C-alpha atoms as a PDB file:
ATOM      1  CA  MET A   1      70.897  95.203  95.548  1.00  0.00           C
ATOM      2  CA  ARG A   2      68.148  97.083  92.936  1.00  0.00           C
ATOM      3  CA  PHE A   3      69.488 100.309  95.063  1.00  0.00           C
ATOM      4  CA  ARG A   4      73.141  99.835  94.619  1.00  0.00           C
ATOM      5  CA  GLN A   5      73.349  98.732  90.487  1.00  0.00           C
ATOM      6  CA  ALA A   6      71.184 102.093  90.025  1.00  0.00           C
ATOM      7  CA  ASN A   7      73.317 104.184  91.420  1.00  0.00           C
ATOM      8  CA  LEU A   8      76.303 102.354  90.008  1.00  0.00           C
ATOM      9  CA  GLY A   9      74.213 102.641  86.745  1.00  0.00           C
ATOM     10  CA  PHE A  10      74.183 106.892  87.397  1.00  0.00           C
ATOM     11  CA  TRP A  11      77.721 107.249  88.021  1.00  0.00           C
ATOM     12  CA  ILE A  12      78.974 105.171  85.039  1.00  0.00           C
ATOM     13  CA  LEU A  13      77.024 107.499  82.995  1.00  0.00           C
ATOM     14  CA  LEU A  14      77.988 110.565  84.623  1.00  0.00           C
ATOM     15  CA  GLY A  15      81.698 109.510  84.179  1.00  0.00           C
ATOM     16  CA  GLY A  16      81.337 108.722  80.721  1.00  0.00           C
ATOM     17  CA  ILE A  17      79.505 112.091  79.604  1.00  0.00           C
ATOM     18  CA  LEU A  18      82.411 114.163  81.336  1.00  0.00           C
ATOM     19  CA  LEU A  19      84.769 112.134  79.374  1.00  0.00           C
ATOM     20  CA  ALA A  20      83.085 112.273  76.406  1.00  0.00           C
ATOM     21  CA  ARG A  21      82.977 116.231  76.349  1.00  0.00           C
ATOM     22  CA  PRO A  22      84.698 117.978  73.548  1.00  0.00           C
ATOM     23  CA  GLY A  23      87.211 120.038  75.195  1.00  0.00           C
ATOM     24  CA  LEU A  24      88.257 118.005  77.905  1.00  0.00           C
ATOM     25  CA  ALA A  25      91.249 116.590  76.195  1.00  0.00           C
ATOM     26  CA  ALA A  26      93.812 118.368  75.486  1.00  0.00           C
ATOM     27  CA  GLU A  27      93.998 119.514  71.995  1.00  0.00           C
ATOM     28  CA  SER A  28      96.826 118.672  69.435  1.00  0.00           C
ATOM     29  CA  GLY A  29      99.657 121.204  69.842  1.00  0.00           C
ATOM     30  CA  ASP A  30      99.333 121.496  73.774  1.00  0.00           C
ATOM     31  CA  PHE A  31     102.365 119.091  73.879  1.00  0.00           C
ATOM     32  CA  PRO A  32     105.117 118.790  74.528  1.00  0.00           C
ATOM     33  CA  GLY A  33     104.524 118.507  78.082  1.00  0.00           C
ATOM     34  CA  SER A  34     107.167 121.435  78.658  1.00  0.00           C
ATOM     35  CA  ARG A  35     104.850 123.764  77.640  1.00  0.00           C
ATOM     36  CA  GLN A  36     102.685 122.621  80.119  1.00  0.00           C
ATOM     37  CA  PHE A  37     104.444 121.654  83.300  1.00  0.00           C
ATOM     38  CA  GLY A  38     106.815 123.831  84.583  1.00  0.00           C
ATOM     39  CA  LYS A  39     108.061 126.388  87.406  1.00  0.00           C
ATOM     40  CA  GLY A  40     105.285 128.435  88.549  1.00  0.00           C
ATOM     41  CA  GLU A  41     102.611 126.476  86.242  1.00  0.00           C
ATOM     42  CA  GLN A  42      99.267 125.886  88.405  1.00  0.00           C
ATOM     43  CA  ARG A  43      96.212 123.119  87.885  1.00  0.00           C
ATOM     44  CA  ILE A  44      93.124 122.743  89.204  1.00  0.00           C
ATOM     45  CA  GLY A  45      91.746 119.269  89.726  1.00  0.00           C
ATOM     46  CA  LEU A  46      88.534 117.698  90.796  1.00  0.00           C
ATOM     47  CA  GLY A  47      87.823 113.914  91.242  1.00  0.00           C
ATOM     48  CA  VAL A  48      84.360 112.452  92.087  1.00  0.00           C
ATOM     49  CA  GLY A  49      83.050 109.537  92.759  1.00  0.00           C
ATOM     50  CA  TYR A  50      80.935 106.507  94.587  1.00  0.00           C
ATOM     51  CA  GLY A  51      82.079 104.393  96.595  1.00  0.00           C
ATOM     52  CA  TYR A  52      80.893 100.714  98.792  1.00  0.00           C
ATOM     53  CA  GLY A  53      82.714  98.854 101.681  1.00  0.00           C
ATOM     54  CA  PHE A  54      83.631  95.448 101.049  1.00  0.00           C
ATOM     55  CA  GLU A  55      84.974  92.324 102.883  1.00  0.00           C
ATOM     56  CA  PHE A  56      88.295  91.582 103.956  1.00  0.00           C
ATOM     57  CA  LEU A  57      89.526  88.785 106.383  1.00  0.00           C
ATOM     58  CA  ARG A  58      87.374  88.596 109.223  1.00  0.00           C
ATOM     59  CA  SER A  59      85.401  91.718 108.365  1.00  0.00           C
ATOM     60  CA  ARG A  60      82.012  89.334 107.122  1.00  0.00           C
ATOM     61  CA  ASP A  61      79.805  90.149 110.402  1.00  0.00           C
ATOM     62  CA  ASN A  62      80.424  93.843 110.881  1.00  0.00           C
ATOM     63  CA  GLU A  63      78.803  97.243 109.501  1.00  0.00           C
ATOM     64  CA  ASN A  64      82.584  97.628 107.305  1.00  0.00           C
ATOM     65  CA  SER A  65      81.024  95.818 104.496  1.00  0.00           C
ATOM     66  CA  GLU A  66      77.462  98.213 104.183  1.00  0.00           C
ATOM     67  CA  VAL A  67      79.654 101.780 103.807  1.00  0.00           C
ATOM     68  CA  GLU A  68      78.538 103.481 100.923  1.00  0.00           C
ATOM     69  CA  HIS A  69      79.537 107.336 100.377  1.00  0.00           C
ATOM     70  CA  ALA A  70      79.918 110.025  98.179  1.00  0.00           C
ATOM     71  CA  VAL A  71      83.287 110.808  97.199  1.00  0.00           C
ATOM     72  CA  VAL A  72      84.935 114.816  96.183  1.00  0.00           C
ATOM     73  CA  LEU A  73      88.352 114.801  96.028  1.00  0.00           C
ATOM     74  CA  PRO A  74      89.322 118.767  94.456  1.00  0.00           C
ATOM     75  CA  SER A  75      93.349 119.629  93.968  1.00  0.00           C
ATOM     76  CA  TRP A  76      95.770 121.985  93.494  1.00  0.00           C
ATOM     77  CA  SER A  77      99.590 121.858  91.986  1.00  0.00           C
ATOM     78  CA  VAL A  78     101.821 124.379  91.103  1.00  0.00           C
ATOM     79  CA  GLY A  79     104.891 123.754  89.607  1.00  0.00           C
ATOM     80  CA  LEU A  80     108.366 124.355  91.849  1.00  0.00           C
ATOM     81  CA  THR A  81     110.825 123.159  88.746  1.00  0.00           C
ATOM     82  CA  ASP A  82     110.934 124.052  85.372  1.00  0.00           C
ATOM     83  CA  PRO A  83     111.118 120.303  83.306  1.00  0.00           C
ATOM     84  CA  LEU A  84     114.410 118.662  84.103  1.00  0.00           C
ATOM     85  CA  ALA A  85     116.897 116.091  81.883  1.00  0.00           C
ATOM     86  CA  ALA A  86     115.778 117.334  79.066  1.00  0.00           C
ATOM     87  CA  GLY A  87     115.802 114.834  75.746  1.00  0.00           C
ATOM     88  CA  HIS A  88     116.186 111.394  78.481  1.00  0.00           C
ATOM     89  CA  TRP A  89     113.191 109.322  79.341  1.00  0.00           C
ATOM     90  CA  TYR A  90     113.419 110.352  82.681  1.00  0.00           C
ATOM     91  CA  GLU A  91     112.608 113.890  81.776  1.00  0.00           C
ATOM     92  CA  GLY A  92     110.322 115.633  83.854  1.00  0.00           C
ATOM     93  CA  ASN A  93     109.505 118.412  86.560  1.00  0.00           C
ATOM     94  CA  VAL A  94     108.049 118.559  90.213  1.00  0.00           C
ATOM     95  CA  ASP A  95     105.053 119.965  91.552  1.00  0.00           C
ATOM     96  CA  LEU A  96     104.020 120.661  95.094  1.00  0.00           C
ATOM     97  CA  VAL A  97      99.893 119.354  95.216  1.00  0.00           C
ATOM     98  CA  SER A  98      97.622 119.885  98.084  1.00  0.00           C
ATOM     99  CA  GLU A  99      94.491 117.827  97.785  1.00  0.00           C
ATOM    100  CA  ALA A 100      91.429 117.449  99.937  1.00  0.00           C
ATOM    101  CA  GLN A 101      89.020 115.013 100.457  1.00  0.00           C
ATOM    102  CA  LEU A 102      85.414 114.790 101.491  1.00  0.00           C
ATOM    103  CA  LEU A 103      83.516 111.444 101.568  1.00  0.00           C
ATOM    104  CA  LEU A 104      79.735 111.602 102.396  1.00  0.00           C
ATOM    105  CA  ASN A 105      78.727 108.352 103.643  1.00  0.00           C
ATOM    106  CA  HIS A 106      74.786 107.667 104.055  1.00  0.00           C
ATOM    107  CA  GLU A 107      74.885 103.635 104.827  1.00  0.00           C
ATOM    108  CA  PRO A 108      74.306 102.302 107.226  1.00  0.00           C
ATOM    109  CA  ARG A 109      74.573 105.353 109.427  1.00  0.00           C
ATOM    110  CA  SER A 110      75.190 109.369 107.999  1.00  0.00           C
ATOM    111  CA  GLY A 111      78.332 110.187 108.584  1.00  0.00           C
ATOM    112  CA  TYR A 112      81.545 111.932 106.922  1.00  0.00           C
ATOM    113  CA  PHE A 113      85.633 112.067 106.386  1.00  0.00           C
ATOM    114  CA  GLY A 114      87.194 115.016 105.630  1.00  0.00           C
ATOM    115  CA  ALA A 115      90.753 115.080 105.302  1.00  0.00           C
ATOM    116  CA  GLY A 116      94.092 117.383 103.736  1.00  0.00           C
ATOM    117  CA  THR A 117      97.110 115.970 102.130  1.00  0.00           C
ATOM    118  CA  LEU A 118     100.332 117.881 100.896  1.00  0.00           C
ATOM    119  CA  SER A 119     102.743 115.884  98.522  1.00  0.00           C
ATOM    120  CA  PHE A 120     105.445 115.638  95.977  1.00  0.00           C
ATOM    121  CA  ARG A 121     105.048 114.256  92.118  1.00  0.00           C
ATOM    122  CA  TYR A 122     107.235 114.254  89.721  1.00  0.00           C
ATOM    123  CA  ASN A 123     106.124 114.540  86.076  1.00  0.00           C
ATOM    124  CA  PHE A 124     107.616 111.882  83.607  1.00  0.00           C
ATOM    125  CA  LEU A 125     107.375 114.415  80.348  1.00  0.00           C
ATOM    126  CA  GLY A 126     109.074 112.331  77.967  1.00  0.00           C
ATOM    127  CA  LEU A 127     105.787 110.754  76.727  1.00  0.00           C
ATOM    128  CA  ASP A 128     103.342 112.732  74.060  1.00  0.00           C
ATOM    129  CA  ARG A 129      99.769 113.095  75.506  1.00  0.00           C
ATOM    130  CA  PHE A 130     100.397 110.453  78.087  1.00  0.00           C
ATOM    131  CA  VAL A 131     102.230 112.066  82.195  1.00  0.00           C
ATOM    132  CA  PRO A 132     103.241 109.533  84.054  1.00  0.00           C
ATOM    133  CA  PHE A 133     103.592 110.455  87.637  1.00  0.00           C
ATOM    134  CA  VAL A 134     104.909 109.493  91.217  1.00  0.00           C
ATOM    135  CA  ASN A 135     103.948 111.347  94.156  1.00  0.00           C
ATOM    136  CA  ALA A 136     104.877 111.103  98.166  1.00  0.00           C
ATOM    137  CA  GLY A 137     103.097 112.882 100.866  1.00  0.00           C
ATOM    138  CA  ALA A 138     101.386 113.250 104.238  1.00  0.00           C
ATOM    139  CA  GLY A 139      98.164 114.689 105.807  1.00  0.00           C
ATOM    140  CA  MET A 140      95.123 114.865 108.427  1.00  0.00           C
ATOM    141  CA  GLY A 141      91.528 114.340 108.505  1.00  0.00           C
ATOM    142  CA  TYR A 142      88.708 113.754 110.548  1.00  0.00           C
ATOM    143  CA  LEU A 143      86.613 110.697 110.522  1.00  0.00           C
ATOM    144  CA  SER A 144      82.890 110.979 112.024  1.00  0.00           C
ATOM    145  CA  TYR A 145      81.059 107.653 110.375  1.00  0.00           C
ATOM    146  CA  ASP A 146      79.873 106.250 113.979  1.00  0.00           C
ATOM    147  CA  LEU A 147      80.471 102.604 113.324  1.00  0.00           C
ATOM    148  CA  ASP A 148      79.827 100.046 115.421  1.00  0.00           C
ATOM    149  CA  ASP A 149      83.017  98.165 114.629  1.00  0.00           C
ATOM    150  CA  GLN A 150      85.626 101.535 113.726  1.00  0.00           C
ATOM    151  CA  ARG A 151      86.659 104.068 115.986  1.00  0.00           C
ATOM    152  CA  ASP A 152      85.882 107.914 114.457  1.00  0.00           C
ATOM    153  CA  GLY A 153      88.453 110.365 115.397  1.00  0.00           C
ATOM    154  CA  PHE A 154      91.622 111.812 113.788  1.00  0.00           C
ATOM    155  CA  ASN A 155      93.568 110.326 111.182  1.00  0.00           C
ATOM    156  CA  PHE A 156      97.186 110.550 109.658  1.00  0.00           C
ATOM    157  CA  ALA A 157      97.533 109.386 106.043  1.00  0.00           C
ATOM    158  CA  LEU A 158     100.976 108.440 104.496  1.00  0.00           C
ATOM    159  CA  GLN A 159     100.330 109.101 101.114  1.00  0.00           C
ATOM    160  CA  THR A 160     102.490 107.757  98.053  1.00  0.00           C
ATOM    161  CA  GLY A 161     101.425 106.546  94.566  1.00  0.00           C
ATOM    162  CA  ARG A 162     102.108 106.416  91.042  1.00  0.00           C
ATOM    163  CA  LYS A 163     100.595 106.148  87.775  1.00  0.00           C
ATOM    164  CA  ARG A 164     101.423 105.109  84.344  1.00  0.00           C
END
């Protein structure tokens, strides 16, 4: 348990440092969103994290609850449309998003998961400095965790989400 707490503290500290760095937040005058979101506008992103398995329903006595892995999620998006419905609450644009997913497992055994997804995202641009979105897409990946209670191999993923 001491190992988990030390890792969690490290990742929280690292996340706080990255979020507090000047220059990562949008400067005033960068909005309204129509200046940053439009046809041909490209954005790259990188998400990093750390994950733990957990018990769910009948999973008490299996290895899935012991899983620990590092996560890397690079992404690239390009605007397919200029802002639509100007002046309405649903003003926004459509992006094509490509995202890779890499999970490096190290507990209870070493392994990995790699995947790629392609999705469409609608960005709601009616608010200043806050861009909620909805997205939907699909992807394919490969899992190799070598757990006794889980099958490895190819995976297909349907993806949908929203963010407020």
